Amino acid sequence: MPLARRIPKLGGFTPRRRTTYEVVNLGELDRFEPSEVVDPSRMAQMGLIKKEKNRVKILGEGEINKPLTVRANAFSKKAKERIEAAGGRAEVI
């Protein structure tokens, strides 16, 4: 049997340049105190993400009523608008 048929087929193709994010919804940020600075290390302490070294993206699902300073690697358009409407700031790190 030829070598190409003896070796098992591997899975699909994974691009090397793909950036993967840990996703956090706005509704989950409501547990922080008003005027608090929320960054990946603080999110990891609260259990919202697995590791603080991972990239974080904030999505607009849910409501936020507190003025927070949120620092993340990426924001959706809706999330950024809602954070600023609540009196907070969305900072890209």
PDB file of N, CA and C in Angstrom:
ATOM      1  N   MET A   1       0.854  -1.168   0.000  1.00  0.00           N
ATOM      2  CA  MET A   1       0.000   0.000   0.000  1.00  0.00           C
ATOM      3  C   MET A   1       0.911   1.246   0.000  1.00  0.00           C
ATOM      4  N   PRO A   2       0.603   2.250  -0.810  1.00  0.00           N
ATOM      5  CA  PRO A   2       1.430   3.452  -0.867  1.00  0.00           C
ATOM      6  C   PRO A   2       1.425   4.214   0.468  1.00  0.00           C
ATOM      7  N   LEU A   3       2.492   4.956   0.689  1.00  0.00           N
ATOM      8  CA  LEU A   3       2.645   5.699   1.931  1.00  0.00           C
ATOM      9  C   LEU A   3       1.513   6.707   2.132  1.00  0.00           C
ATOM     10  N   ALA A   4       1.070   7.370   1.083  1.00  0.00           N
ATOM     11  CA  ALA A   4       0.017   8.377   1.189  1.00  0.00           C
ATOM     12  C   ALA A   4      -1.295   7.779   1.685  1.00  0.00           C
ATOM     13  N   ARG A   5      -1.531   6.517   1.442  1.00  0.00           N
ATOM     14  CA  ARG A   5      -2.769   5.889   1.907  1.00  0.00           C
ATOM     15  C   ARG A   5      -2.613   5.293   3.302  1.00  0.00           C
ATOM     16  N   ARG A   6      -1.384   5.029   3.741  1.00  0.00           N
ATOM     17  CA  ARG A   6      -1.158   4.451   5.062  1.00  0.00           C
ATOM     18  C   ARG A   6      -1.219   5.500   6.176  1.00  0.00           C
ATOM     19  N   ILE A   7      -0.888   6.747   5.871  1.00  0.00           N
ATOM     20  CA  ILE A   7      -0.881   7.796   6.885  1.00  0.00           C
ATOM     21  C   ILE A   7      -2.297   8.340   7.029  1.00  0.00           C
ATOM     22  N   PRO A   8      -2.764   8.471   8.278  1.00  0.00           N
ATOM     23  CA  PRO A   8      -4.135   8.977   8.447  1.00  0.00           C
ATOM     24  C   PRO A   8      -4.248  10.428   8.011  1.00  0.00           C
ATOM     25  N   LYS A   9      -5.432  10.768   7.539  1.00  0.00           N
ATOM     26  CA  LYS A   9      -5.689  12.144   7.122  1.00  0.00           C
ATOM     27  C   LYS A   9      -5.828  13.027   8.360  1.00  0.00           C
ATOM     28  N   LEU A  10      -5.277  14.206   8.271  1.00  0.00           N
ATOM     29  CA  LEU A  10      -5.383  15.156   9.364  1.00  0.00           C
ATOM     30  C   LEU A  10      -6.646  15.975   9.192  1.00  0.00           C
ATOM     31  N   GLY A  11      -6.961  16.758  10.194  1.00  0.00           N
ATOM     32  CA  GLY A  11      -8.154  17.599  10.159  1.00  0.00           C
ATOM     33  C   GLY A  11      -8.055  18.665   9.084  1.00  0.00           C
ATOM     34  N   GLY A  12      -8.810  19.696   9.225  1.00  0.00           N
ATOM     35  CA  GLY A  12      -8.865  20.762   8.234  1.00  0.00           C
ATOM     36  C   GLY A  12      -7.669  21.684   8.283  1.00  0.00           C
ATOM     37  N   PHE A  13      -7.848  22.849   7.734  1.00  0.00           N
ATOM     38  CA  PHE A  13      -6.801  23.852   7.662  1.00  0.00           C
ATOM     39  C   PHE A  13      -7.082  24.948   8.680  1.00  0.00           C
ATOM     40  N   THR A  14      -6.073  25.317   9.461  1.00  0.00           N
ATOM     41  CA  THR A  14      -6.200  26.402  10.426  1.00  0.00           C
ATOM     42  C   THR A  14      -5.240  27.513  10.024  1.00  0.00           C
ATOM     43  N   PRO A  15      -5.751  28.679   9.673  1.00  0.00           N
ATOM     44  CA  PRO A  15      -4.853  29.763   9.281  1.00  0.00           C
ATOM     45  C   PRO A  15      -3.979  30.218  10.447  1.00  0.00           C
ATOM     46  N   ARG A  16      -2.723  30.493  10.178  1.00  0.00           N
ATOM     47  CA  ARG A  16      -1.793  30.896  11.225  1.00  0.00           C
ATOM     48  C   ARG A  16      -2.034  32.323  11.692  1.00  0.00           C
ATOM     49  N   ARG A  17      -2.556  33.169  10.843  1.00  0.00           N
ATOM     50  CA  ARG A  17      -2.750  34.570  11.194  1.00  0.00           C
ATOM     51  C   ARG A  17      -4.085  34.857  11.856  1.00  0.00           C
ATOM     52  N   ARG A  18      -4.902  33.876  12.084  1.00  0.00           N
ATOM     53  CA  ARG A  18      -6.201  34.085  12.704  1.00  0.00           C
ATOM     54  C   ARG A  18      -6.011  34.501  14.159  1.00  0.00           C
ATOM     55  N   THR A  19      -6.684  35.549  14.545  1.00  0.00           N
ATOM     56  CA  THR A  19      -6.653  35.959  15.941  1.00  0.00           C
ATOM     57  C   THR A  19      -7.927  35.469  16.606  1.00  0.00           C
ATOM     58  N   THR A  20      -7.757  34.792  17.702  1.00  0.00           N
ATOM     59  CA  THR A  20      -8.908  34.283  18.440  1.00  0.00           C
ATOM     60  C   THR A  20      -9.101  35.134  19.687  1.00  0.00           C
ATOM     61  N   TYR A  21     -10.343  35.372  20.018  1.00  0.00           N
ATOM     62  CA  TYR A  21     -10.694  36.206  21.155  1.00  0.00           C
ATOM     63  C   TYR A  21     -11.535  35.414  22.141  1.00  0.00           C
ATOM     64  N   GLU A  22     -11.413  35.765  23.409  1.00  0.00           N
ATOM     65  CA  GLU A  22     -12.378  35.316  24.394  1.00  0.00           C
ATOM     66  C   GLU A  22     -13.474  36.374  24.418  1.00  0.00           C
ATOM     67  N   VAL A  23     -14.706  35.948  24.348  1.00  0.00           N
ATOM     68  CA  VAL A  23     -15.838  36.856  24.201  1.00  0.00           C
ATOM     69  C   VAL A  23     -16.469  37.122  25.563  1.00  0.00           C
ATOM     70  N   VAL A  24     -16.722  38.413  25.845  1.00  0.00           N
ATOM     71  CA  VAL A  24     -17.413  38.825  27.065  1.00  0.00           C
ATOM     72  C   VAL A  24     -18.559  39.737  26.636  1.00  0.00           C
ATOM     73  N   ASN A  25     -19.758  39.444  27.101  1.00  0.00           N
ATOM     74  CA  ASN A  25     -20.930  40.271  26.788  1.00  0.00           C
ATOM     75  C   ASN A  25     -21.076  41.394  27.810  1.00  0.00           C
ATOM     76  N   LEU A  26     -21.734  42.467  27.398  1.00  0.00           N
ATOM     77  CA  LEU A  26     -21.927  43.620  28.279  1.00  0.00           C
ATOM     78  C   LEU A  26     -22.694  43.272  29.547  1.00  0.00           C
ATOM     79  N   GLY A  27     -23.645  42.388  29.448  1.00  0.00           N
ATOM     80  CA  GLY A  27     -24.431  42.001  30.616  1.00  0.00           C
ATOM     81  C   GLY A  27     -23.579  41.401  31.717  1.00  0.00           C
ATOM     82  N   GLU A  28     -22.456  40.771  31.352  1.00  0.00           N
ATOM     83  CA  GLU A  28     -21.567  40.182  32.350  1.00  0.00           C
ATOM     84  C   GLU A  28     -20.720  41.237  33.062  1.00  0.00           C
ATOM     85  N   LEU A  29     -20.563  42.418  32.462  1.00  0.00           N
ATOM     86  CA  LEU A  29     -19.770  43.476  33.072  1.00  0.00           C
ATOM     87  C   LEU A  29     -20.545  44.238  34.138  1.00  0.00           C
ATOM     88  N   ASP A  30     -21.825  43.928  34.294  1.00  0.00           N
ATOM     89  CA  ASP A  30     -22.668  44.638  35.251  1.00  0.00           C
ATOM     90  C   ASP A  30     -22.317  44.293  36.701  1.00  0.00           C
ATOM     91  N   ARG A  31     -21.535  43.259  36.922  1.00  0.00           N
ATOM     92  CA  ARG A  31     -21.170  42.859  38.285  1.00  0.00           C
ATOM     93  C   ARG A  31     -20.061  43.715  38.895  1.00  0.00           C
ATOM     94  N   PHE A  32     -19.408  44.554  38.086  1.00  0.00           N
ATOM     95  CA  PHE A  32     -18.350  45.416  38.592  1.00  0.00           C
ATOM     96  C   PHE A  32     -18.937  46.677  39.225  1.00  0.00           C
ATOM     97  N   GLU A  33     -18.163  47.303  40.086  1.00  0.00           N
ATOM     98  CA  GLU A  33     -18.582  48.525  40.768  1.00  0.00           C
ATOM     99  C   GLU A  33     -18.549  49.712  39.794  1.00  0.00           C
ATOM    100  N   PRO A  34     -19.384  50.740  40.011  1.00  0.00           N
ATOM    101  CA  PRO A  34     -19.345  51.921  39.147  1.00  0.00           C
ATOM    102  C   PRO A  34     -17.978  52.618  39.202  1.00  0.00           C
ATOM    103  N   SER A  35     -17.566  53.178  38.084  1.00  0.00           N
ATOM    104  CA  SER A  35     -16.295  53.899  37.919  1.00  0.00           C
ATOM    105  C   SER A  35     -15.068  53.007  38.090  1.00  0.00           C
ATOM    106  N   GLU A  36     -15.235  51.705  37.995  1.00  0.00           N
ATOM    107  CA  GLU A  36     -14.103  50.789  38.120  1.00  0.00           C
ATOM    108  C   GLU A  36     -13.435  50.604  36.758  1.00  0.00           C
ATOM    109  N   VAL A  37     -12.130  50.350  36.766  1.00  0.00           N
ATOM    110  CA  VAL A  37     -11.396  50.055  35.539  1.00  0.00           C
ATOM    111  C   VAL A  37     -11.415  48.538  35.347  1.00  0.00           C
ATOM    112  N   VAL A  38     -11.985  48.106  34.225  1.00  0.00           N
ATOM    113  CA  VAL A  38     -12.127  46.681  33.940  1.00  0.00           C
ATOM    114  C   VAL A  38     -11.156  46.341  32.819  1.00  0.00           C
ATOM    115  N   ASP A  39     -10.136  45.530  33.141  1.00  0.00           N
ATOM    116  CA  ASP A  39      -9.164  45.097  32.151  1.00  0.00           C
ATOM    117  C   ASP A  39      -9.092  43.568  32.171  1.00  0.00           C
ATOM    118  N   PRO A  40      -8.329  42.953  31.260  1.00  0.00           N
ATOM    119  CA  PRO A  40      -8.303  41.487  31.213  1.00  0.00           C
ATOM    120  C   PRO A  40      -7.875  40.822  32.519  1.00  0.00           C
ATOM    121  N   SER A  41      -6.976  41.431  33.278  1.00  0.00           N
ATOM    122  CA  SER A  41      -6.572  40.806  34.541  1.00  0.00           C
ATOM    123  C   SER A  41      -7.729  40.804  35.543  1.00  0.00           C
ATOM    124  N   ARG A  42      -8.504  41.874  35.565  1.00  0.00           N
ATOM    125  CA  ARG A  42      -9.668  41.949  36.466  1.00  0.00           C
ATOM    126  C   ARG A  42     -10.766  40.983  36.015  1.00  0.00           C
ATOM    127  N   MET A  43     -10.936  40.842  34.688  1.00  0.00           N
ATOM    128  CA  MET A  43     -11.931  39.890  34.178  1.00  0.00           C
ATOM    129  C   MET A  43     -11.545  38.455  34.527  1.00  0.00           C
ATOM    130  N   ALA A  44     -10.244  38.153  34.504  1.00  0.00           N
ATOM    131  CA  ALA A  44      -9.784  36.817  34.866  1.00  0.00           C
ATOM    132  C   ALA A  44     -10.015  36.542  36.349  1.00  0.00           C
ATOM    133  N   GLN A  45      -9.830  37.551  37.193  1.00  0.00           N
ATOM    134  CA  GLN A  45     -10.083  37.386  38.625  1.00  0.00           C
ATOM    135  C   GLN A  45     -11.553  37.088  38.903  1.00  0.00           C
ATOM    136  N   MET A  46     -12.442  37.713  38.140  1.00  0.00           N
ATOM    137  CA  MET A  46     -13.887  37.520  38.339  1.00  0.00           C
ATOM    138  C   MET A  46     -14.415  36.271  37.634  1.00  0.00           C
ATOM    139  N   GLY A  47     -13.568  35.607  36.839  1.00  0.00           N
ATOM    140  CA  GLY A  47     -13.979  34.374  36.176  1.00  0.00           C
ATOM    141  C   GLY A  47     -14.686  34.573  34.846  1.00  0.00           C
ATOM    142  N   LEU A  48     -14.581  35.756  34.253  1.00  0.00           N
ATOM    143  CA  LEU A  48     -15.223  35.992  32.958  1.00  0.00           C
ATOM    144  C   LEU A  48     -14.403  35.415  31.807  1.00  0.00           C
ATOM    145  N   ILE A  49     -13.086  35.383  31.957  1.00  0.00           N
ATOM    146  CA  ILE A  49     -12.212  34.790  30.944  1.00  0.00           C
ATOM    147  C   ILE A  49     -11.283  33.793  31.623  1.00  0.00           C
ATOM    148  N   LYS A  50     -10.651  32.926  30.831  1.00  0.00           N
ATOM    149  CA  LYS A  50      -9.802  31.888  31.405  1.00  0.00           C
ATOM    150  C   LYS A  50      -8.441  32.416  31.834  1.00  0.00           C
ATOM    151  N   LYS A  51      -7.755  33.134  30.935  1.00  0.00           N
ATOM    152  CA  LYS A  51      -6.427  33.649  31.240  1.00  0.00           C
ATOM    153  C   LYS A  51      -6.365  35.115  30.868  1.00  0.00           C
ATOM    154  N   GLU A  52      -5.598  35.888  31.630  1.00  0.00           N
ATOM    155  CA  GLU A  52      -5.508  37.310  31.320  1.00  0.00           C
ATOM    156  C   GLU A  52      -4.626  37.572  30.115  1.00  0.00           C
ATOM    157  N   LYS A  53      -3.850  36.591  29.665  1.00  0.00           N
ATOM    158  CA  LYS A  53      -2.997  36.778  28.494  1.00  0.00           C
ATOM    159  C   LYS A  53      -3.775  36.659  27.179  1.00  0.00           C
ATOM    160  N   ASN A  54      -4.964  36.063  27.226  1.00  0.00           N
ATOM    161  CA  ASN A  54      -5.765  35.898  26.017  1.00  0.00           C
ATOM    162  C   ASN A  54      -6.330  37.234  25.561  1.00  0.00           C
ATOM    163  N   ARG A  55      -6.606  37.327  24.261  1.00  0.00           N
ATOM    164  CA  ARG A  55      -7.237  38.527  23.713  1.00  0.00           C
ATOM    165  C   ARG A  55      -8.723  38.522  24.079  1.00  0.00           C
ATOM    166  N   VAL A  56      -9.252  39.705  24.375  1.00  0.00           N
ATOM    167  CA  VAL A  56     -10.636  39.824  24.830  1.00  0.00           C
ATOM    168  C   VAL A  56     -11.399  40.723  23.874  1.00  0.00           C
ATOM    169  N   LYS A  57     -12.612  40.290  23.510  1.00  0.00           N
ATOM    170  CA  LYS A  57     -13.502  41.108  22.694  1.00  0.00           C
ATOM    171  C   LYS A  57     -14.807  41.291  23.459  1.00  0.00           C
ATOM    172  N   ILE A  58     -15.263  42.525  23.531  1.00  0.00           N
ATOM    173  CA  ILE A  58     -16.501  42.856  24.234  1.00  0.00           C
ATOM    174  C   ILE A  58     -17.618  42.969  23.203  1.00  0.00           C
ATOM    175  N   LEU A  59     -18.696  42.211  23.423  1.00  0.00           N
ATOM    176  CA  LEU A  59     -19.848  42.231  22.525  1.00  0.00           C
ATOM    177  C   LEU A  59     -21.014  42.953  23.190  1.00  0.00           C
ATOM    178  N   GLY A  60     -21.967  43.412  22.404  1.00  0.00           N
ATOM    179  CA  GLY A  60     -23.058  44.253  22.881  1.00  0.00           C
ATOM    180  C   GLY A  60     -24.275  43.528  23.407  1.00  0.00           C
ATOM    181  N   GLU A  61     -24.196  42.282  23.757  1.00  0.00           N
ATOM    182  CA  GLU A  61     -25.342  41.527  24.269  1.00  0.00           C
ATOM    183  C   GLU A  61     -25.572  41.883  25.730  1.00  0.00           C
ATOM    184  N   GLY A  62     -26.743  42.335  26.068  1.00  0.00           N
ATOM    185  CA  GLY A  62     -27.068  42.696  27.441  1.00  0.00           C
ATOM    186  C   GLY A  62     -27.047  44.205  27.638  1.00  0.00           C
ATOM    187  N   GLU A  63     -27.320  44.619  28.855  1.00  0.00           N
ATOM    188  CA  GLU A  63     -27.389  46.043  29.196  1.00  0.00           C
ATOM    189  C   GLU A  63     -26.332  46.380  30.229  1.00  0.00           C
ATOM    190  N   ILE A  64     -25.848  47.606  30.182  1.00  0.00           N
ATOM    191  CA  ILE A  64     -24.915  48.114  31.184  1.00  0.00           C
ATOM    192  C   ILE A  64     -25.434  49.470  31.635  1.00  0.00           C
ATOM    193  N   ASN A  65     -25.521  49.664  32.944  1.00  0.00           N
ATOM    194  CA  ASN A  65     -26.074  50.895  33.495  1.00  0.00           C
ATOM    195  C   ASN A  65     -25.069  51.645  34.354  1.00  0.00           C
ATOM    196  N   LYS A  66     -23.840  51.163  34.440  1.00  0.00           N
ATOM    197  CA  LYS A  66     -22.822  51.774  35.283  1.00  0.00           C
ATOM    198  C   LYS A  66     -21.733  52.382  34.411  1.00  0.00           C
ATOM    199  N   PRO A  67     -21.173  53.503  34.822  1.00  0.00           N
ATOM    200  CA  PRO A  67     -20.055  54.077  34.065  1.00  0.00           C
ATOM    201  C   PRO A  67     -18.763  53.316  34.378  1.00  0.00           C
ATOM    202  N   LEU A  68     -18.306  52.516  33.448  1.00  0.00           N
ATOM    203  CA  LEU A  68     -17.086  51.731  33.618  1.00  0.00           C
ATOM    204  C   LEU A  68     -16.055  52.149  32.578  1.00  0.00           C
ATOM    205  N   THR A  69     -14.794  52.021  32.924  1.00  0.00           N
ATOM    206  CA  THR A  69     -13.712  52.158  31.956  1.00  0.00           C
ATOM    207  C   THR A  69     -13.303  50.744  31.583  1.00  0.00           C
ATOM    208  N   VAL A  70     -13.618  50.337  30.372  1.00  0.00           N
ATOM    209  CA  VAL A  70     -13.373  48.968  29.932  1.00  0.00           C
ATOM    210  C   VAL A  70     -12.182  48.968  28.975  1.00  0.00           C
ATOM    211  N   ARG A  71     -11.194  48.150  29.288  1.00  0.00           N
ATOM    212  CA  ARG A  71     -10.016  48.000  28.445  1.00  0.00           C
ATOM    213  C   ARG A  71     -10.011  46.587  27.886  1.00  0.00           C
ATOM    214  N   ALA A  72     -10.018  46.479  26.546  1.00  0.00           N
ATOM    215  CA  ALA A  72     -10.020  45.181  25.888  1.00  0.00           C
ATOM    216  C   ALA A  72      -9.303  45.308  24.548  1.00  0.00           C
ATOM    217  N   ASN A  73      -9.080  44.173  23.897  1.00  0.00           N
ATOM    218  CA  ASN A  73      -8.399  44.171  22.608  1.00  0.00           C
ATOM    219  C   ASN A  73      -9.308  44.573  21.462  1.00  0.00           C
ATOM    220  N   ALA A  74     -10.610  44.321  21.589  1.00  0.00           N
ATOM    221  CA  ALA A  74     -11.547  44.681  20.524  1.00  0.00           C
ATOM    222  C   ALA A  74     -12.935  44.879  21.124  1.00  0.00           C
ATOM    223  N   PHE A  75     -13.715  45.723  20.460  1.00  0.00           N
ATOM    224  CA  PHE A  75     -15.091  45.999  20.860  1.00  0.00           C
ATOM    225  C   PHE A  75     -15.975  45.905  19.632  1.00  0.00           C
ATOM    226  N   SER A  76     -17.191  45.424  19.813  1.00  0.00           N
ATOM    227  CA  SER A  76     -18.156  45.537  18.729  1.00  0.00           C
ATOM    228  C   SER A  76     -18.671  46.971  18.735  1.00  0.00           C
ATOM    229  N   LYS A  77     -19.234  47.386  17.618  1.00  0.00           N
ATOM    230  CA  LYS A  77     -19.731  48.757  17.491  1.00  0.00           C
ATOM    231  C   LYS A  77     -20.832  49.040  18.513  1.00  0.00           C
ATOM    232  N   LYS A  78     -21.721  48.076  18.678  1.00  0.00           N
ATOM    233  CA  LYS A  78     -22.840  48.225  19.601  1.00  0.00           C
ATOM    234  C   LYS A  78     -22.355  48.299  21.054  1.00  0.00           C
ATOM    235  N   ALA A  79     -21.355  47.499  21.394  1.00  0.00           N
ATOM    236  CA  ALA A  79     -20.832  47.495  22.762  1.00  0.00           C
ATOM    237  C   ALA A  79     -20.189  48.832  23.090  1.00  0.00           C
ATOM    238  N   LYS A  80     -19.413  49.362  22.147  1.00  0.00           N
ATOM    239  CA  LYS A  80     -18.744  50.638  22.383  1.00  0.00           C
ATOM    240  C   LYS A  80     -19.773  51.757  22.585  1.00  0.00           C
ATOM    241  N   GLU A  81     -20.828  51.751  21.771  1.00  0.00           N
ATOM    242  CA  GLU A  81     -21.873  52.766  21.901  1.00  0.00           C
ATOM    243  C   GLU A  81     -22.574  52.680  23.255  1.00  0.00           C
ATOM    244  N   ARG A  82     -22.877  51.466  23.712  1.00  0.00           N
ATOM    245  CA  ARG A  82     -23.596  51.299  24.978  1.00  0.00           C
ATOM    246  C   ARG A  82     -22.729  51.666  26.177  1.00  0.00           C
ATOM    247  N   ILE A  83     -21.442  51.368  26.114  1.00  0.00           N
ATOM    248  CA  ILE A  83     -20.546  51.732  27.217  1.00  0.00           C
ATOM    249  C   ILE A  83     -20.460  53.247  27.334  1.00  0.00           C
ATOM    250  N   GLU A  84     -20.313  53.924  26.200  1.00  0.00           N
ATOM    251  CA  GLU A  84     -20.208  55.384  26.213  1.00  0.00           C
ATOM    252  C   GLU A  84     -21.539  56.045  26.573  1.00  0.00           C
ATOM    253  N   ALA A  85     -22.664  55.422  26.218  1.00  0.00           N
ATOM    254  CA  ALA A  85     -23.974  55.963  26.571  1.00  0.00           C
ATOM    255  C   ALA A  85     -24.224  55.874  28.071  1.00  0.00           C
ATOM    256  N   ALA A  86     -23.595  54.884  28.734  1.00  0.00           N
ATOM    257  CA  ALA A  86     -23.743  54.740  30.186  1.00  0.00           C
ATOM    258  C   ALA A  86     -22.790  55.655  30.932  1.00  0.00           C
ATOM    259  N   GLY A  87     -21.969  56.413  30.215  1.00  0.00           N
ATOM    260  CA  GLY A  87     -21.042  57.336  30.852  1.00  0.00           C
ATOM    261  C   GLY A  87     -19.646  56.776  31.049  1.00  0.00           C
ATOM    262  N   GLY A  88     -19.357  55.626  30.471  1.00  0.00           N
ATOM    263  CA  GLY A  88     -18.045  55.013  30.612  1.00  0.00           C
ATOM    264  C   GLY A  88     -17.157  55.250  29.416  1.00  0.00           C
ATOM    265  N   ARG A  89     -16.020  54.564  29.400  1.00  0.00           N
ATOM    266  CA  ARG A  89     -15.073  54.690  28.285  1.00  0.00           C
ATOM    267  C   ARG A  89     -14.677  53.301  27.809  1.00  0.00           C
ATOM    268  N   ALA A  90     -14.508  53.155  26.503  1.00  0.00           N
ATOM    269  CA  ALA A  90     -14.043  51.911  25.903  1.00  0.00           C
ATOM    270  C   ALA A  90     -12.651  52.158  25.339  1.00  0.00           C
ATOM    271  N   GLU A  91     -11.641  51.520  25.929  1.00  0.00           N
ATOM    272  CA  GLU A  91     -10.258  51.728  25.519  1.00  0.00           C
ATOM    273  C   GLU A  91      -9.707  50.453  24.898  1.00  0.00           C
ATOM    274  N   VAL A  92      -9.114  50.600  23.709  1.00  0.00           N
ATOM    275  CA  VAL A  92      -8.481  49.461  23.042  1.00  0.00           C
ATOM    276  C   VAL A  92      -7.036  49.362  23.508  1.00  0.00           C
ATOM    277  N   ILE A  93      -6.646  48.172  23.955  1.00  0.00           N
ATOM    278  CA  ILE A  93      -5.259  47.981  24.408  1.00  0.00           C
ATOM    279  C   ILE A  93      -4.464  47.219  23.373  1.00  0.00           C
TER     280      ILE A  93
END
